[in-house]
Protein backbone atom coordinates (compact mmCIF):
# COMPACT_ATOMS: atom_id res chain seq x y z
CA MET A 1 108.80 89.88 107.57
CA ALA A 2 107.65 89.08 111.09
CA GLN A 3 103.97 88.55 111.79
CA ASP A 4 103.75 91.54 114.16
CA GLU A 5 105.19 94.02 111.69
CA PRO A 6 102.66 96.35 110.08
CA THR A 7 102.14 95.91 106.38
CA THR A 8 101.89 98.65 103.81
CA PRO A 9 100.85 98.69 100.17
CA GLY A 10 104.57 98.69 99.30
CA ASP A 11 104.87 95.20 100.82
CA THR A 12 102.88 93.62 98.00
CA LYS A 13 104.58 91.97 95.05
CA PRO A 14 103.16 91.85 91.52
CA GLY A 15 101.74 88.32 91.98
CA ASP A 16 100.12 89.15 95.32
CA GLU A 17 96.36 89.36 95.55
CA ALA A 18 96.57 90.99 98.99
CA THR A 19 99.01 92.65 101.37
CA PRO A 20 100.91 90.09 103.47
CA GLY A 21 99.21 89.59 106.83
CA THR A 22 95.72 90.36 105.55
CA PRO A 23 93.15 88.10 107.27
CA GLY A 24 91.95 85.34 104.95
CA THR A 25 95.19 85.17 102.98
CA GLY A 26 98.17 82.84 102.93
CA GLU A 27 101.49 82.33 101.22
CA ASN A 28 101.63 80.14 98.14
CA LEU A 29 104.39 79.18 95.75
CA CYS A 30 104.66 81.51 92.79
CA ARG A 31 103.12 79.84 89.76
CA ARG A 32 105.27 81.68 87.25
CA CYS A 33 108.64 80.52 88.62
CA GLN A 34 107.27 77.45 90.43
CA GLY A 35 108.74 78.67 93.73
CA THR A 36 112.33 79.01 92.56
CA GLY A 37 112.33 82.82 92.57
CA THR A 38 114.13 82.97 89.22
CA LEU A 39 113.33 82.88 85.52
CA ASP A 40 116.16 82.67 83.01
CA ALA A 41 118.72 83.47 85.75
CA GLU A 42 116.86 86.70 86.65
CA PRO A 43 114.56 87.41 89.64
CA CYS A 44 110.97 86.45 88.86
CA PRO A 45 108.89 89.59 88.20
CA ASP A 46 105.78 88.13 89.85
CA CYS A 47 107.30 87.29 93.25
CA ARG A 48 110.36 89.57 93.07
CA GLY A 49 112.64 86.60 93.61
CA THR A 50 111.03 85.28 96.80
CA GLY A 51 109.34 82.27 95.20
CA LYS A 52 106.15 83.06 97.14
CA ILE A 53 103.02 85.14 96.65
CA THR A 54 100.20 86.10 99.03
CA SER A 55 96.72 85.09 97.89
CA GLY A 56 93.23 84.65 99.26
CA ILE A 57 92.29 81.32 100.83
CA GLY A 58 89.01 79.66 101.73
CA GLY A 59 85.82 81.63 101.54
CA GLY A 60 82.42 80.71 100.56
């Protein structure tokens, strides 16, 4: 998805903590599949096969 595209709640994946593009978030490798996008030859349910999740960064 391009940075200038609007995001909607449907853009989130199960492992996401926020909608992609939300300020204060960034992409990380999915912990469940370790970034491969698959588990037992099936798409990872946490990242939906992308190998990445969106989560909060920084703060304080």
